[in-house]
C-alpha atoms as a PDB file:
ATOM      1  CA  MET A   1     -70.984-207.618  78.908  1.00  0.00           C
ATOM      2  CA  LEU A   2     -72.892-210.422  80.623  1.00  0.00           C
ATOM      3  CA  ASN A   3     -72.613-208.627  83.999  1.00  0.00           C
ATOM      4  CA  VAL A   4     -74.188-205.483  82.511  1.00  0.00           C
ATOM      5  CA  SER A   5     -77.013-207.542  80.962  1.00  0.00           C
ATOM      6  CA  ILE A   6     -77.768-209.212  84.285  1.00  0.00           C
ATOM      7  CA  LYS A   7     -77.909-205.826  86.060  1.00  0.00           C
ATOM      8  CA  ILE A   8     -80.233-204.354  83.447  1.00  0.00           C
ATOM      9  CA  LEU A   9     -82.571-207.360  83.138  1.00  0.00           C
ATOM     10  CA  PRO A  10     -84.852-206.589  86.136  1.00  0.00           C
ATOM     11  CA  ALA A  11     -85.317-202.991  84.993  1.00  0.00           C
ATOM     12  CA  VAL A  12     -86.035-204.031  81.404  1.00  0.00           C
ATOM     13  CA  VAL A  13     -88.579-206.604  82.560  1.00  0.00           C
ATOM     14  CA  LEU A  14     -90.242-204.009  84.791  1.00  0.00           C
ATOM     15  CA  ALA A  15     -90.264-201.472  81.948  1.00  0.00           C
ATOM     16  CA  PHE A  16     -91.957-204.031  79.711  1.00  0.00           C
ATOM     17  CA  VAL A  17     -94.522-204.820  82.412  1.00  0.00           C
ATOM     18  CA  CYS A  18     -95.116-201.092  82.867  1.00  0.00           C
ATOM     19  CA  LEU A  19     -95.734-200.696  79.147  1.00  0.00           C
ATOM     20  CA  VAL A  20     -98.281-203.489  78.883  1.00  0.00           C
ATOM     21  CA  ASP A  21     -99.934-203.221  82.307  1.00  0.00           C
ATOM     22  CA  THR A  22    -103.554-202.089  82.342  1.00  0.00           C
ATOM     23  CA  ALA A  23    -102.823-199.559  85.089  1.00  0.00           C
ATOM     24  CA  GLY A  24    -102.041-197.045  82.359  1.00  0.00           C
ATOM     25  CA  TYR A  25     -98.401-196.117  82.669  1.00  0.00           C
ATOM     26  CA  ALA A  26     -95.313-196.266  80.587  1.00  0.00           C
ATOM     27  CA  GLY A  27     -91.858-196.817  81.952  1.00  0.00           C
ATOM     28  CA  GLU A  28     -88.782-194.728  81.325  1.00  0.00           C
ATOM     29  CA  LEU A  29     -85.361-196.239  81.943  1.00  0.00           C
ATOM     30  CA  TYR A  30     -82.484-194.180  83.316  1.00  0.00           C
ATOM     31  CA  TYR A  31     -79.377-194.801  85.347  1.00  0.00           C
ATOM     32  CA  ARG A  32     -78.459-193.463  88.756  1.00  0.00           C
ATOM     33  CA  ALA A  33     -74.966-192.145  89.408  1.00  0.00           C
ATOM     34  CA  ASP A  34     -73.920-195.545  90.778  1.00  0.00           C
ATOM     35  CA  GLY A  35     -74.920-197.253  87.519  1.00  0.00           C
ATOM     36  CA  GLU A  36     -78.101-198.935  88.798  1.00  0.00           C
ATOM     37  CA  PRO A  37     -80.946-198.857  86.294  1.00  0.00           C
ATOM     38  CA  VAL A  38     -84.109-197.135  87.513  1.00  0.00           C
ATOM     39  CA  VAL A  39     -87.514-197.100  85.874  1.00  0.00           C
ATOM     40  CA  LEU A  40     -89.550-193.920  86.216  1.00  0.00           C
ATOM     41  CA  ALA A  41     -93.264-194.033  85.635  1.00  0.00           C
ATOM     42  CA  ARG A  42     -95.343-191.366  84.063  1.00  0.00           C
ATOM     43  CA  GLY A  43     -99.077-191.394  83.838  1.00  0.00           C
ATOM     44  CA  SER A  44    -101.637-192.408  86.388  1.00  0.00           C
ATOM     45  CA  ALA A  45    -101.244-191.771  90.099  1.00  0.00           C
ATOM     46  CA  ARG A  46    -102.253-195.338  90.814  1.00  0.00           C
ATOM     47  CA  ALA A  47     -99.417-196.604  88.635  1.00  0.00           C
ATOM     48  CA  LEU A  48     -96.887-194.324  90.303  1.00  0.00           C
ATOM     49  CA  GLY A  49     -97.947-195.579  93.729  1.00  0.00           C
ATOM     50  CA  ARG A  50     -97.711-199.231  92.702  1.00  0.00           C
ATOM     51  CA  LEU A  51     -94.281-198.666  91.169  1.00  0.00           C
ATOM     52  CA  GLY A  52     -93.200-196.948  94.411  1.00  0.00           C
ATOM     53  CA  PHE A  53     -94.328-200.067  96.278  1.00  0.00           C
ATOM     54  CA  ARG A  54     -92.075-202.185  94.052  1.00  0.00           C
ATOM     55  CA  TYR A  55     -89.082-199.958  94.836  1.00  0.00           C
ATOM     56  CA  GLU A  56     -89.878-199.905  98.546  1.00  0.00           C
ATOM     57  CA  ASN A  57     -89.932-203.681  98.703  1.00  0.00           C
ATOM     58  CA  GLY A  58     -87.452-204.579  95.937  1.00  0.00           C
ATOM     59  CA  PHE A  59     -89.969-206.378  93.730  1.00  0.00           C
ATOM     60  CA  GLY A  60     -88.273-206.650  90.312  1.00  0.00           C
ATOM     61  CA  VAL A  61     -86.037-203.661  90.968  1.00  0.00           C
ATOM     62  CA  PRO A  62     -83.320-202.875  93.519  1.00  0.00           C
ATOM     63  CA  GLN A  63     -84.835-201.837  96.848  1.00  0.00           C
ATOM     64  CA  ASP A  64     -84.562-198.037  97.036  1.00  0.00           C
ATOM     65  CA  TYR A  65     -86.486-196.122  99.687  1.00  0.00           C
ATOM     66  CA  ALA A  66     -85.645-192.703  98.234  1.00  0.00           C
ATOM     67  CA  THR A  67     -87.041-193.625  94.798  1.00  0.00           C
ATOM     68  CA  ALA A  68     -90.089-195.199  96.438  1.00  0.00           C
ATOM     69  CA  ALA A  69     -90.737-192.051  98.499  1.00  0.00           C
ATOM     70  CA  ASP A  70     -90.364-189.870  95.386  1.00  0.00           C
ATOM     71  CA  LEU A  71     -92.849-191.994  93.449  1.00  0.00           C
ATOM     72  CA  TYR A  72     -95.256-192.065  96.407  1.00  0.00           C
ATOM     73  CA  HIS A  73     -94.995-188.278  96.675  1.00  0.00           C
ATOM     74  CA  ARG A  74     -95.752-187.778  92.991  1.00  0.00           C
ATOM     75  CA  ALA A  75     -98.804-190.065  93.230  1.00  0.00           C
ATOM     76  CA  ALA A  76     -99.936-188.633  96.587  1.00  0.00           C
ATOM     77  CA  GLU A  77     -99.929-185.115  95.136  1.00  0.00           C
ATOM     78  CA  GLN A  78    -102.326-186.425  92.465  1.00  0.00           C
ATOM     79  CA  GLY A  79    -104.676-187.702  95.166  1.00  0.00           C
ATOM     80  CA  ASP A  80    -103.964-191.462  95.241  1.00  0.00           C
ATOM     81  CA  ALA A  81    -104.957-192.728  98.725  1.00  0.00           C
ATOM     82  CA  PHE A  82    -102.652-195.777  98.574  1.00  0.00           C
ATOM     83  CA  ALA A  83     -99.648-193.575  97.779  1.00  0.00           C
ATOM     84  CA  GLN A  84    -100.669-191.069 100.448  1.00  0.00           C
ATOM     85  CA  ALA A  85    -100.726-193.847 103.046  1.00  0.00           C
ATOM     86  CA  ARG A  86     -97.403-195.300 101.898  1.00  0.00           C
ATOM     87  CA  LEU A  87     -95.819-191.827 101.921  1.00  0.00           C
ATOM     88  CA  GLY A  88     -97.151-191.294 105.436  1.00  0.00           C
ATOM     89  CA  LEU A  89     -95.605-194.573 106.535  1.00  0.00           C
ATOM     90  CA  SER A  90     -92.335-193.564 104.865  1.00  0.00           C
ATOM     91  CA  TYR A  91     -92.282-190.368 106.956  1.00  0.00           C
ATOM     92  CA  ASP A  92     -93.168-192.346 110.059  1.00  0.00           C
ATOM     93  CA  ARG A  93     -90.265-194.764 109.531  1.00  0.00           C
ATOM     94  CA  GLY A  94     -87.806-192.348 107.911  1.00  0.00           C
ATOM     95  CA  HIS A  95     -87.567-194.533 104.792  1.00  0.00           C
ATOM     96  CA  GLY A  96     -86.290-192.394 101.904  1.00  0.00           C
ATOM     97  CA  VAL A  97     -87.337-189.180 103.636  1.00  0.00           C
ATOM     98  CA  PRO A  98     -86.437-187.580 106.960  1.00  0.00           C
ATOM     99  CA  ARG A  99     -88.498-188.957 109.848  1.00  0.00           C
ATOM    100  CA  ASP A 100     -91.350-186.501 110.404  1.00  0.00           C
ATOM    101  CA  PHE A 101     -94.449-187.457 112.410  1.00  0.00           C
ATOM    102  CA  ILE A 102     -96.344-184.314 111.384  1.00  0.00           C
ATOM    103  CA  LEU A 103     -96.024-185.102 107.682  1.00  0.00           C
ATOM    104  CA  ALA A 104     -96.745-188.774 108.391  1.00  0.00           C
ATOM    105  CA  TYR A 105     -99.963-187.726 110.140  1.00  0.00           C
ATOM    106  CA  LYS A 106    -100.885-185.365 107.275  1.00  0.00           C
ATOM    107  CA  TRP A 107    -100.567-187.991 104.558  1.00  0.00           C
ATOM    108  CA  LEU A 108    -102.231-190.765 106.581  1.00  0.00           C
ATOM    109  CA  ASP A 109    -105.109-188.412 107.437  1.00  0.00           C
ATOM    110  CA  LEU A 110    -105.579-187.598 103.757  1.00  0.00           C
ATOM    111  CA  ALA A 111    -105.416-191.276 102.828  1.00  0.00           C
ATOM    112  CA  ALA A 112    -108.111-192.107 105.381  1.00  0.00           C
ATOM    113  CA  ALA A 113    -110.321-189.328 104.092  1.00  0.00           C
ATOM    114  CA  ARG A 114    -109.972-190.343 100.428  1.00  0.00           C
ATOM    115  CA  SER A 115    -110.265-194.138 100.634  1.00  0.00           C
ATOM    116  CA  SER A 116    -112.986-196.751 100.617  1.00  0.00           C
ATOM    117  CA  ARG A 117    -114.596-197.859 103.894  1.00  0.00           C
ATOM    118  CA  ARG A 118    -112.358-200.876 104.386  1.00  0.00           C
ATOM    119  CA  GLU A 119    -109.166-198.962 103.617  1.00  0.00           C
ATOM    120  CA  HIS A 120    -110.435-195.969 105.587  1.00  0.00           C
ATOM    121  CA  ASP A 121    -110.479-197.968 108.834  1.00  0.00           C
ATOM    122  CA  PHE A 122    -106.995-199.345 108.229  1.00  0.00           C
ATOM    123  CA  TYR A 123    -105.495-195.964 107.297  1.00  0.00           C
ATOM    124  CA  GLN A 124    -107.235-194.365 110.256  1.00  0.00           C
ATOM    125  CA  ARG A 125    -105.657-196.926 112.628  1.00  0.00           C
ATOM    126  CA  LEU A 126    -102.239-196.190 111.103  1.00  0.00           C
ATOM    127  CA  ARG A 127    -102.811-192.440 111.500  1.00  0.00           C
ATOM    128  CA  ASP A 128    -103.886-192.900 115.117  1.00  0.00           C
ATOM    129  CA  ALA A 129    -100.781-194.998 115.832  1.00  0.00           C
ATOM    130  CA  VAL A 130     -98.612-192.153 114.541  1.00  0.00           C
ATOM    131  CA  ALA A 131    -100.652-189.664 116.602  1.00  0.00           C
ATOM    132  CA  GLU A 132     -99.752-191.571 119.776  1.00  0.00           C
ATOM    133  CA  LYS A 133     -96.112-190.570 119.195  1.00  0.00           C
ATOM    134  CA  MET A 134     -97.033-186.865 118.858  1.00  0.00           C
ATOM    135  CA  SER A 135     -97.978-183.957 121.106  1.00  0.00           C
ATOM    136  CA  LEU A 136    -101.391-182.329 120.714  1.00  0.00           C
ATOM    137  CA  GLU A 137     -99.725-179.370 118.991  1.00  0.00           C
ATOM    138  CA  GLN A 138     -98.069-181.666 116.451  1.00  0.00           C
ATOM    139  CA  VAL A 139    -101.362-183.440 115.750  1.00  0.00           C
ATOM    140  CA  ALA A 140    -103.046-180.067 115.232  1.00  0.00           C
ATOM    141  CA  GLU A 141    -100.292-179.066 112.806  1.00  0.00           C
ATOM    142  CA  GLY A 142    -100.688-182.324 110.875  1.00  0.00           C
ATOM    143  CA  GLN A 143    -104.435-181.717 110.638  1.00  0.00           C
ATOM    144  CA  ARG A 144    -103.854-178.131 109.524  1.00  0.00           C
ATOM    145  CA  LEU A 145    -101.482-179.268 106.740  1.00  0.00           C
ATOM    146  CA  ALA A 146    -103.982-181.896 105.599  1.00  0.00           C
ATOM    147  CA  LEU A 147    -106.784-179.315 105.471  1.00  0.00           C
ATOM    148  CA  ILE A 148    -104.626-176.903 103.479  1.00  0.00           C
ATOM    149  CA  TRP A 149    -103.710-179.646 101.006  1.00  0.00           C
ATOM    150  CA  ALA A 150    -107.322-180.770 100.646  1.00  0.00           C
ATOM    151  CA  ALA A 151    -108.512-177.191 100.099  1.00  0.00           C
ATOM    152  CA  ASN A 152    -105.975-176.745  97.302  1.00  0.00           C
ATOM    153  CA  TRP A 153    -106.670-180.103  95.661  1.00  0.00           C
ATOM    154  CA  SER A 154    -109.343-180.221  93.015  1.00  0.00           C
ATOM    155  CA  GLY A 155    -110.246-183.467  91.269  1.00  0.00           C
ATOM    156  CA  GLY A 156    -106.764-184.722  90.560  1.00  0.00           C
ATOM    157  CA  ARG A 157    -105.007-181.377  90.324  1.00  0.00           C
ATOM    158  CA  ARG A 158    -103.568-178.971  92.803  1.00  0.00           C
ATOM    159  CA  ARG A 159    -104.936-175.448  92.438  1.00  0.00           C
END
């Protein structure tokens, strides 16, 4: 019984933090097939991205790249620049998703386009570092995918 309580404690604490945090999300506790508790967020894109960061780095929850990438993807689709950048880095490194420089470029390009000036320069440098690993055709494909996504995105919702 004590062993189960110790395993659940980080997830319960995170769920509580999620419920009272001003970022505007509520947590939902579920268990993976291996018995590890996982907290899913619902609500704001910003909150999903920050929760993904916790899973990526193991802050208060077990480190899980696949869960982090899923949360980043959900937030990135809602237009969160932080999550778009983190998802791009996940694709660049192959953390939780297959390594794919084209998708890494796409998400980092979108993050650079949607962020503040200070973040823009940082995300642009990350995007350019990924571009150095790619052919011109791959860069063009990444740009094309970013343009298609941006054309279909409208104020927080995909068309």
